[in-house]
Amino acid sequence: MSSGKVFLGLLAGVAAGALLGILFAPEKGSDTRKKFSKKGEDFADGLKEKFNEFLDSISENFEEVKEEVSGNADEGSTKSGKTAEKVKTSPG
């Protein structure tokens, strides 16, 4: 038996178990739906928070790299200017 079939069977079993658990839960359906809704909202809020943290870190890294590149460009420009001055003032 291939691992893909085993995984698919396991996934189907988990889904069937969750469905049966919901159907035979001791609470009213409206209470169960409210719980699912609340959990879904909590999950969505957590996901949004993680995504915003990810974007912030990317933004910070981008700014650091941009500053570093800008500093290197300024340094290179200064060095090339000094070299040009040396060439102009050297006897030749």
PDB file of N, CA and C in Angstrom:
ATOM      1  N   MET A   1       0.852  -1.176   0.000  1.00  0.00           N
ATOM      2  CA  MET A   1       0.000   0.000   0.000  1.00  0.00           C
ATOM      3  C   MET A   1       0.897   1.238   0.000  1.00  0.00           C
ATOM      4  N   SER A   2       0.604   2.197  -0.869  1.00  0.00           N
ATOM      5  CA  SER A   2       1.447   3.384  -0.959  1.00  0.00           C
ATOM      6  C   SER A   2       1.143   4.347   0.183  1.00  0.00           C
ATOM      7  N   SER A   3       2.137   5.170   0.482  1.00  0.00           N
ATOM      8  CA  SER A   3       1.971   6.119   1.590  1.00  0.00           C
ATOM      9  C   SER A   3       0.902   7.153   1.274  1.00  0.00           C
ATOM     10  N   GLY A   4       0.694   7.468   0.002  1.00  0.00           N
ATOM     11  CA  GLY A   4      -0.355   8.417  -0.394  1.00  0.00           C
ATOM     12  C   GLY A   4      -1.737   7.903  -0.035  1.00  0.00           C
ATOM     13  N   LYS A   5      -1.964   6.602  -0.264  1.00  0.00           N
ATOM     14  CA  LYS A   5      -3.264   6.010   0.071  1.00  0.00           C
ATOM     15  C   LYS A   5      -3.468   5.956   1.584  1.00  0.00           C
ATOM     16  N   VAL A   6      -2.403   5.670   2.299  1.00  0.00           N
ATOM     17  CA  VAL A   6      -2.494   5.620   3.759  1.00  0.00           C
ATOM     18  C   VAL A   6      -2.825   7.004   4.293  1.00  0.00           C
ATOM     19  N   PHE A   7      -2.157   8.011   3.787  1.00  0.00           N
ATOM     20  CA  PHE A   7      -2.410   9.384   4.225  1.00  0.00           C
ATOM     21  C   PHE A   7      -3.840   9.808   3.900  1.00  0.00           C
ATOM     22  N   LEU A   8      -4.301   9.487   2.707  1.00  0.00           N
ATOM     23  CA  LEU A   8      -5.660   9.824   2.302  1.00  0.00           C
ATOM     24  C   LEU A   8      -6.683   9.122   3.194  1.00  0.00           C
ATOM     25  N   GLY A   9      -6.441   7.854   3.514  1.00  0.00           N
ATOM     26  CA  GLY A   9      -7.334   7.114   4.408  1.00  0.00           C
ATOM     27  C   GLY A   9      -7.344   7.709   5.807  1.00  0.00           C
ATOM     28  N   LEU A  10      -6.168   8.093   6.283  1.00  0.00           N
ATOM     29  CA  LEU A  10      -6.065   8.711   7.604  1.00  0.00           C
ATOM     30  C   LEU A  10      -6.812  10.036   7.632  1.00  0.00           C
ATOM     31  N   LEU A  11      -6.648  10.823   6.595  1.00  0.00           N
ATOM     32  CA  LEU A  11      -7.328  12.116   6.499  1.00  0.00           C
ATOM     33  C   LEU A  11      -8.844  11.933   6.451  1.00  0.00           C
ATOM     34  N   ALA A  12      -9.313  10.957   5.706  1.00  0.00           N
ATOM     35  CA  ALA A  12     -10.750  10.678   5.631  1.00  0.00           C
ATOM     36  C   ALA A  12     -11.277  10.221   6.989  1.00  0.00           C
ATOM     37  N   GLY A  13     -10.503   9.418   7.697  1.00  0.00           N
ATOM     38  CA  GLY A  13     -10.910   8.961   9.025  1.00  0.00           C
ATOM     39  C   GLY A  13     -11.018  10.104  10.020  1.00  0.00           C
ATOM     40  N   VAL A  14     -10.059  11.027   9.959  1.00  0.00           N
ATOM     41  CA  VAL A  14     -10.092  12.187  10.855  1.00  0.00           C
ATOM     42  C   VAL A  14     -11.308  13.051  10.548  1.00  0.00           C
ATOM     43  N   ALA A  15     -11.577  13.269   9.269  1.00  0.00           N
ATOM     44  CA  ALA A  15     -12.731  14.083   8.872  1.00  0.00           C
ATOM     45  C   ALA A  15     -14.038  13.423   9.316  1.00  0.00           C
ATOM     46  N   ALA A  16     -14.148  12.119   9.124  1.00  0.00           N
ATOM     47  CA  ALA A  16     -15.361  11.398   9.535  1.00  0.00           C
ATOM     48  C   ALA A  16     -15.528  11.455  11.050  1.00  0.00           C
ATOM     49  N   GLY A  17     -14.439  11.301  11.780  1.00  0.00           N
ATOM     50  CA  GLY A  17     -14.500  11.368  13.245  1.00  0.00           C
ATOM     51  C   GLY A  17     -14.918  12.742  13.730  1.00  0.00           C
ATOM     52  N   ALA A  18     -14.402  13.784  13.101  1.00  0.00           N
ATOM     53  CA  ALA A  18     -14.780  15.141  13.490  1.00  0.00           C
ATOM     54  C   ALA A  18     -16.260  15.385  13.204  1.00  0.00           C
ATOM     55  N   LEU A  19     -16.727  14.922  12.058  1.00  0.00           N
ATOM     56  CA  LEU A  19     -18.135  15.086  11.704  1.00  0.00           C
ATOM     57  C   LEU A  19     -19.043  14.354  12.690  1.00  0.00           C
ATOM     58  N   LEU A  20     -18.694  13.126  13.016  1.00  0.00           N
ATOM     59  CA  LEU A  20     -19.503  12.367  13.981  1.00  0.00           C
ATOM     60  C   LEU A  20     -19.462  13.004  15.364  1.00  0.00           C
ATOM     61  N   GLY A  21     -18.314  13.535  15.729  1.00  0.00           N
ATOM     62  CA  GLY A  21     -18.201  14.202  17.026  1.00  0.00           C
ATOM     63  C   GLY A  21     -19.098  15.424  17.113  1.00  0.00           C
ATOM     64  N   ILE A  22     -19.181  16.157  16.023  1.00  0.00           N
ATOM     65  CA  ILE A  22     -20.047  17.337  15.996  1.00  0.00           C
ATOM     66  C   ILE A  22     -21.519  16.922  16.024  1.00  0.00           C
ATOM     67  N   LEU A  23     -21.852  15.889  15.249  1.00  0.00           N
ATOM     68  CA  LEU A  23     -23.249  15.450  15.184  1.00  0.00           C
ATOM     69  C   LEU A  23     -23.760  14.914  16.518  1.00  0.00           C
ATOM     70  N   PHE A  24     -22.909  14.235  17.246  1.00  0.00           N
ATOM     71  CA  PHE A  24     -23.336  13.621  18.506  1.00  0.00           C
ATOM     72  C   PHE A  24     -22.882  14.397  19.731  1.00  0.00           C
ATOM     73  N   ALA A  25     -22.523  15.645  19.546  1.00  0.00           N
ATOM     74  CA  ALA A  25     -22.091  16.484  20.667  1.00  0.00           C
ATOM     75  C   ALA A  25     -23.274  16.725  21.608  1.00  0.00           C
ATOM     76  N   PRO A  26     -23.006  16.827  22.901  1.00  0.00           N
ATOM     77  CA  PRO A  26     -24.097  17.001  23.858  1.00  0.00           C
ATOM     78  C   PRO A  26     -24.681  18.426  23.867  1.00  0.00           C
ATOM     79  N   GLU A  27     -24.072  19.361  23.169  1.00  0.00           N
ATOM     80  CA  GLU A  27     -24.564  20.735  23.159  1.00  0.00           C
ATOM     81  C   GLU A  27     -25.536  20.954  22.003  1.00  0.00           C
ATOM     82  N   LYS A  28     -26.304  22.030  22.113  1.00  0.00           N
ATOM     83  CA  LYS A  28     -27.217  22.385  21.033  1.00  0.00           C
ATOM     84  C   LYS A  28     -26.398  22.817  19.815  1.00  0.00           C
ATOM     85  N   GLY A  29     -26.987  22.674  18.648  1.00  0.00           N
ATOM     86  CA  GLY A  29     -26.308  23.035  17.417  1.00  0.00           C
ATOM     87  C   GLY A  29     -25.916  24.503  17.365  1.00  0.00           C
ATOM     88  N   SER A  30     -26.790  25.367  17.893  1.00  0.00           N
ATOM     89  CA  SER A  30     -26.484  26.800  17.867  1.00  0.00           C
ATOM     90  C   SER A  30     -25.253  27.110  18.720  1.00  0.00           C
ATOM     91  N   ASP A  31     -25.128  26.421  19.854  1.00  0.00           N
ATOM     92  CA  ASP A  31     -23.948  26.623  20.701  1.00  0.00           C
ATOM     93  C   ASP A  31     -22.681  26.140  20.007  1.00  0.00           C
ATOM     94  N   THR A  32     -22.797  25.002  19.351  1.00  0.00           N
ATOM     95  CA  THR A  32     -21.653  24.448  18.627  1.00  0.00           C
ATOM     96  C   THR A  32     -21.235  25.387  17.494  1.00  0.00           C
ATOM     97  N   ARG A  33     -22.218  25.922  16.762  1.00  0.00           N
ATOM     98  CA  ARG A  33     -21.901  26.855  15.669  1.00  0.00           C
ATOM     99  C   ARG A  33     -21.231  28.112  16.204  1.00  0.00           C
ATOM    100  N   LYS A  34     -21.704  28.609  17.351  1.00  0.00           N
ATOM    101  CA  LYS A  34     -21.086  29.791  17.959  1.00  0.00           C
ATOM    102  C   LYS A  34     -19.627  29.503  18.332  1.00  0.00           C
ATOM    103  N   LYS A  35     -19.384  28.318  18.880  1.00  0.00           N
ATOM    104  CA  LYS A  35     -18.009  27.944  19.244  1.00  0.00           C
ATOM    105  C   LYS A  35     -17.120  27.882  18.005  1.00  0.00           C
ATOM    106  N   PHE A  36     -17.643  27.257  16.935  1.00  0.00           N
ATOM    107  CA  PHE A  36     -16.875  27.173  15.691  1.00  0.00           C
ATOM    108  C   PHE A  36     -16.589  28.562  15.143  1.00  0.00           C
ATOM    109  N   SER A  37     -17.603  29.414  15.177  1.00  0.00           N
ATOM    110  CA  SER A  37     -17.440  30.781  14.679  1.00  0.00           C
ATOM    111  C   SER A  37     -16.377  31.516  15.485  1.00  0.00           C
ATOM    112  N   LYS A  38     -16.426  31.391  16.800  1.00  0.00           N
ATOM    113  CA  LYS A  38     -15.454  32.054  17.676  1.00  0.00           C
ATOM    114  C   LYS A  38     -14.042  31.533  17.397  1.00  0.00           C
ATOM    115  N   LYS A  39     -13.915  30.227  17.289  1.00  0.00           N
ATOM    116  CA  LYS A  39     -12.597  29.642  16.996  1.00  0.00           C
ATOM    117  C   LYS A  39     -12.081  30.114  15.642  1.00  0.00           C
ATOM    118  N   GLY A  40     -12.977  30.197  14.663  1.00  0.00           N
ATOM    119  CA  GLY A  40     -12.578  30.672  13.340  1.00  0.00           C
ATOM    120  C   GLY A  40     -12.105  32.117  13.385  1.00  0.00           C
ATOM    121  N   GLU A  41     -12.818  32.960  14.140  1.00  0.00           N
ATOM    122  CA  GLU A  41     -12.417  34.358  14.272  1.00  0.00           C
ATOM    123  C   GLU A  41     -11.072  34.471  14.984  1.00  0.00           C
ATOM    124  N   ASP A  42     -10.892  33.666  16.033  1.00  0.00           N
ATOM    125  CA  ASP A  42      -9.617  33.679  16.754  1.00  0.00           C
ATOM    126  C   ASP A  42      -8.470  33.259  15.842  1.00  0.00           C
ATOM    127  N   PHE A  43      -8.731  32.233  15.046  1.00  0.00           N
ATOM    128  CA  PHE A  43      -7.711  31.747  14.117  1.00  0.00           C
ATOM    129  C   PHE A  43      -7.380  32.826  13.084  1.00  0.00           C
ATOM    130  N   ALA A  44      -8.413  33.477  12.541  1.00  0.00           N
ATOM    131  CA  ALA A  44      -8.201  34.523  11.541  1.00  0.00           C
ATOM    132  C   ALA A  44      -7.427  35.697  12.143  1.00  0.00           C
ATOM    133  N   ASP A  45      -7.777  36.078  13.372  1.00  0.00           N
ATOM    134  CA  ASP A  45      -7.065  37.181  14.027  1.00  0.00           C
ATOM    135  C   ASP A  45      -5.596  36.827  14.247  1.00  0.00           C
ATOM    136  N   GLY A  46      -5.354  35.600  14.688  1.00  0.00           N
ATOM    137  CA  GLY A  46      -3.972  35.150  14.892  1.00  0.00           C
ATOM    138  C   GLY A  46      -3.189  35.134  13.596  1.00  0.00           C
ATOM    139  N   LEU A  47      -3.851  34.695  12.536  1.00  0.00           N
ATOM    140  CA  LEU A  47      -3.206  34.640  11.229  1.00  0.00           C
ATOM    141  C   LEU A  47      -2.886  36.049  10.730  1.00  0.00           C
ATOM    142  N   LYS A  48      -3.816  36.989  10.910  1.00  0.00           N
ATOM    143  CA  LYS A  48      -3.567  38.377  10.514  1.00  0.00           C
ATOM    144  C   LYS A  48      -2.389  38.953  11.293  1.00  0.00           C
ATOM    145  N   GLU A  49      -2.345  38.658  12.590  1.00  0.00           N
ATOM    146  CA  GLU A  49      -1.262  39.175  13.430  1.00  0.00           C
ATOM    147  C   GLU A  49       0.089  38.637  12.967  1.00  0.00           C
ATOM    148  N   LYS A  50       0.153  37.350  12.697  1.00  0.00           N
ATOM    149  CA  LYS A  50       1.402  36.744  12.216  1.00  0.00           C
ATOM    150  C   LYS A  50       1.809  37.337  10.872  1.00  0.00           C
ATOM    151  N   PHE A  51       0.832  37.550   9.998  1.00  0.00           N
ATOM    152  CA  PHE A  51       1.129  38.114   8.683  1.00  0.00           C
ATOM    153  C   PHE A  51       1.662  39.531   8.820  1.00  0.00           C
ATOM    154  N   ASN A  52       1.056  40.320   9.703  1.00  0.00           N
ATOM    155  CA  ASN A  52       1.529  41.692   9.916  1.00  0.00           C
ATOM    156  C   ASN A  52       2.940  41.705  10.508  1.00  0.00           C
ATOM    157  N   GLU A  53       3.230  40.790  11.426  1.00  0.00           N
ATOM    158  CA  GLU A  53       4.584  40.683  11.977  1.00  0.00           C
ATOM    159  C   GLU A  53       5.573  40.332  10.873  1.00  0.00           C
ATOM    160  N   PHE A  54       5.171  39.428   9.993  1.00  0.00           N
ATOM    161  CA  PHE A  54       6.021  39.023   8.871  1.00  0.00           C
ATOM    162  C   PHE A  54       6.302  40.221   7.960  1.00  0.00           C
ATOM    163  N   LEU A  55       5.252  40.983   7.639  1.00  0.00           N
ATOM    164  CA  LEU A  55       5.437  42.156   6.790  1.00  0.00           C
ATOM    165  C   LEU A  55       6.335  43.193   7.458  1.00  0.00           C
ATOM    166  N   ASP A  56       6.178  43.379   8.763  1.00  0.00           N
ATOM    167  CA  ASP A  56       7.027  44.329   9.482  1.00  0.00           C
ATOM    168  C   ASP A  56       8.493  43.913   9.423  1.00  0.00           C
ATOM    169  N   SER A  57       8.752  42.626   9.625  1.00  0.00           N
ATOM    170  CA  SER A  57      10.141  42.162   9.604  1.00  0.00           C
ATOM    171  C   SER A  57      10.736  42.297   8.203  1.00  0.00           C
ATOM    172  N   ILE A  58       9.940  42.009   7.176  1.00  0.00           N
ATOM    173  CA  ILE A  58      10.413  42.175   5.800  1.00  0.00           C
ATOM    174  C   ILE A  58      10.717  43.644   5.530  1.00  0.00           C
ATOM    175  N   SER A  59       9.840  44.502   5.989  1.00  0.00           N
ATOM    176  CA  SER A  59      10.028  45.942   5.789  1.00  0.00           C
ATOM    177  C   SER A  59      11.298  46.432   6.485  1.00  0.00           C
ATOM    178  N   GLU A  60      11.510  45.975   7.722  1.00  0.00           N
ATOM    179  CA  GLU A  60      12.719  46.372   8.459  1.00  0.00           C
ATOM    180  C   GLU A  60      13.974  45.884   7.742  1.00  0.00           C
ATOM    181  N   ASN A  61      13.962  44.640   7.294  1.00  0.00           N
ATOM    182  CA  ASN A  61      15.120  44.095   6.579  1.00  0.00           C
ATOM    183  C   ASN A  61      15.373  44.865   5.286  1.00  0.00           C
ATOM    184  N   PHE A  62      14.315  45.227   4.588  1.00  0.00           N
ATOM    185  CA  PHE A  62      14.453  45.990   3.348  1.00  0.00           C
ATOM    186  C   PHE A  62      15.096  47.343   3.626  1.00  0.00           C
ATOM    187  N   GLU A  63      14.657  48.017   4.677  1.00  0.00           N
ATOM    188  CA  GLU A  63      15.222  49.322   5.016  1.00  0.00           C
ATOM    189  C   GLU A  63      16.704  49.207   5.377  1.00  0.00           C
ATOM    190  N   GLU A  64      17.059  48.158   6.131  1.00  0.00           N
ATOM    191  CA  GLU A  64      18.466  47.953   6.503  1.00  0.00           C
ATOM    192  C   GLU A  64      19.331  47.748   5.260  1.00  0.00           C
ATOM    193  N   VAL A  65      18.860  46.929   4.351  1.00  0.00           N
ATOM    194  CA  VAL A  65      19.622  46.664   3.126  1.00  0.00           C
ATOM    195  C   VAL A  65      19.714  47.926   2.283  1.00  0.00           C
ATOM    196  N   LYS A  66      18.623  48.673   2.209  1.00  0.00           N
ATOM    197  CA  LYS A  66      18.614  49.911   1.433  1.00  0.00           C
ATOM    198  C   LYS A  66      19.626  50.910   1.994  1.00  0.00           C
ATOM    199  N   GLU A  67      19.681  51.042   3.313  1.00  0.00           N
ATOM    200  CA  GLU A  67      20.641  51.945   3.942  1.00  0.00           C
ATOM    201  C   GLU A  67      22.075  51.483   3.692  1.00  0.00           C
ATOM    202  N   GLU A  68      22.281  50.175   3.780  1.00  0.00           N
ATOM    203  CA  GLU A  68      23.625  49.634   3.555  1.00  0.00           C
ATOM    204  C   GLU A  68      24.074  49.871   2.114  1.00  0.00           C
ATOM    205  N   VAL A  69      23.192  49.638   1.177  1.00  0.00           N
ATOM    206  CA  VAL A  69      23.530  49.847  -0.230  1.00  0.00           C
ATOM    207  C   VAL A  69      23.787  51.325  -0.496  1.00  0.00           C
ATOM    208  N   SER A  70      22.968  52.182   0.086  1.00  0.00           N
ATOM    209  CA  SER A  70      23.148  53.626  -0.086  1.00  0.00           C
ATOM    210  C   SER A  70      24.495  54.067   0.491  1.00  0.00           C
ATOM    211  N   GLY A  71      24.843  53.539   1.666  1.00  0.00           N
ATOM    212  CA  GLY A  71      26.138  53.856   2.276  1.00  0.00           C
ATOM    213  C   GLY A  71      27.294  53.375   1.425  1.00  0.00           C
ATOM    214  N   ASN A  72      27.181  52.185   0.879  1.00  0.00           N
ATOM    215  CA  ASN A  72      28.235  51.660   0.008  1.00  0.00           C
ATOM    216  C   ASN A  72      28.358  52.488  -1.264  1.00  0.00           C
ATOM    217  N   ALA A  73      27.235  52.946  -1.802  1.00  0.00           N
ATOM    218  CA  ALA A  73      27.273  53.772  -3.016  1.00  0.00           C
ATOM    219  C   ALA A  73      27.940  55.098  -2.716  1.00  0.00           C
ATOM    220  N   ASP A  74      27.612  55.713  -1.580  1.00  0.00           N
ATOM    221  CA  ASP A  74      28.244  56.980  -1.212  1.00  0.00           C
ATOM    222  C   ASP A  74      29.742  56.805  -1.012  1.00  0.00           C
ATOM    223  N   GLU A  75      30.112  55.707  -0.350  1.00  0.00           N
ATOM    224  CA  GLU A  75      31.530  55.425  -0.105  1.00  0.00           C
ATOM    225  C   GLU A  75      32.273  55.223  -1.423  1.00  0.00           C
ATOM    226  N   GLY A  76      31.656  54.498  -2.345  1.00  0.00           N
ATOM    227  CA  GLY A  76      32.275  54.269  -3.652  1.00  0.00           C
ATOM    228  C   GLY A  76      32.404  55.553  -4.432  1.00  0.00           C
ATOM    229  N   SER A  77      31.410  56.416  -4.334  1.00  0.00           N
ATOM    230  CA  SER A  77      31.458  57.699  -5.032  1.00  0.00           C
ATOM    231  C   SER A  77      32.585  58.564  -4.483  1.00  0.00           C
ATOM    232  N   THR A  78      32.744  58.577  -3.171  1.00  0.00           N
ATOM    233  CA  THR A  78      33.816  59.353  -2.544  1.00  0.00           C
ATOM    234  C   THR A  78      35.181  58.825  -2.966  1.00  0.00           C
ATOM    235  N   LYS A  79      35.341  57.516  -2.969  1.00  0.00           N
ATOM    236  CA  LYS A  79      36.616  56.920  -3.360  1.00  0.00           C
ATOM    237  C   LYS A  79      36.933  57.211  -4.821  1.00  0.00           C
ATOM    238  N   SER A  80      35.935  57.133  -5.688  1.00  0.00           N
ATOM    239  CA  SER A  80      36.201  57.385  -7.107  1.00  0.00           C
ATOM    240  C   SER A  80      36.545  58.853  -7.336  1.00  0.00           C
ATOM    241  N   GLY A  81      35.942  59.760  -6.548  1.00  0.00           N
ATOM    242  CA  GLY A  81      36.273  61.179  -6.649  1.00  0.00           C
ATOM    243  C   GLY A  81      37.700  61.442  -6.227  1.00  0.00           C
ATOM    244  N   LYS A  82      38.151  60.799  -5.148  1.00  0.00           N
ATOM    245  CA  LYS A  82      39.531  60.963  -4.673  1.00  0.00           C
ATOM    246  C   LYS A  82      40.510  60.408  -5.692  1.00  0.00           C
ATOM    247  N   THR A  83      40.162  59.289  -6.299  1.00  0.00           N
ATOM    248  CA  THR A  83      41.022  58.688  -7.308  1.00  0.00           C
ATOM    249  C   THR A  83      41.138  59.596  -8.514  1.00  0.00           C
ATOM    250  N   ALA A  84      40.040  60.198  -8.917  1.00  0.00           N
ATOM    251  CA  ALA A  84      40.068  61.113 -10.055  1.00  0.00           C
ATOM    252  C   ALA A  84      40.936  62.322  -9.751  1.00  0.00           C
ATOM    253  N   GLU A  85      40.877  62.825  -8.525  1.00  0.00           N
ATOM    254  CA  GLU A  85      41.710  63.959  -8.143  1.00  0.00           C
ATOM    255  C   GLU A  85      43.192  63.586  -8.177  1.00  0.00           C
ATOM    256  N   LYS A  86      43.513  62.394  -7.718  1.00  0.00           N
ATOM    257  CA  LYS A  86      44.899  61.932  -7.730  1.00  0.00           C
ATOM    258  C   LYS A  86      45.424  61.854  -9.148  1.00  0.00           C
ATOM    259  N   VAL A  87      44.584  61.369 -10.036  1.00  0.00           N
ATOM    260  CA  VAL A  87      44.999  61.222 -11.448  1.00  0.00           C
ATOM    261  C   VAL A  87      45.252  62.623 -12.039  1.00  0.00           C
ATOM    262  N   LYS A  88      44.424  63.585 -11.737  1.00  0.00           N
ATOM    263  CA  LYS A  88      44.566  64.934 -12.281  1.00  0.00           C
ATOM    264  C   LYS A  88      45.819  65.642 -11.726  1.00  0.00           C
ATOM    265  N   THR A  89      46.120  65.397 -10.433  1.00  0.00           N
ATOM    266  CA  THR A  89      47.250  66.079  -9.816  1.00  0.00           C
ATOM    267  C   THR A  89      48.572  65.354  -9.944  1.00  0.00           C
ATOM    268  N   SER A  90      48.550  64.130 -10.408  1.00  0.00           N
ATOM    269  CA  SER A  90      49.831  63.392 -10.531  1.00  0.00           C
ATOM    270  C   SER A  90      50.603  63.885 -11.752  1.00  0.00           C
ATOM    271  N   PRO A  91      51.914  63.947 -11.586  1.00  0.00           N
ATOM    272  CA  PRO A  91      52.733  64.402 -12.720  1.00  0.00           C
ATOM    273  C   PRO A  91      52.709  63.352 -13.805  1.00  0.00           C
ATOM    274  N   GLY A  92      52.574  63.763 -14.950  1.00  0.00           N
ATOM    275  CA  GLY A  92      52.494  62.736 -15.965  1.00  0.00           C
ATOM    276  C   GLY A  92      52.741  63.132 -17.275  1.00  0.00           C
TER     277      GLY A  92
END
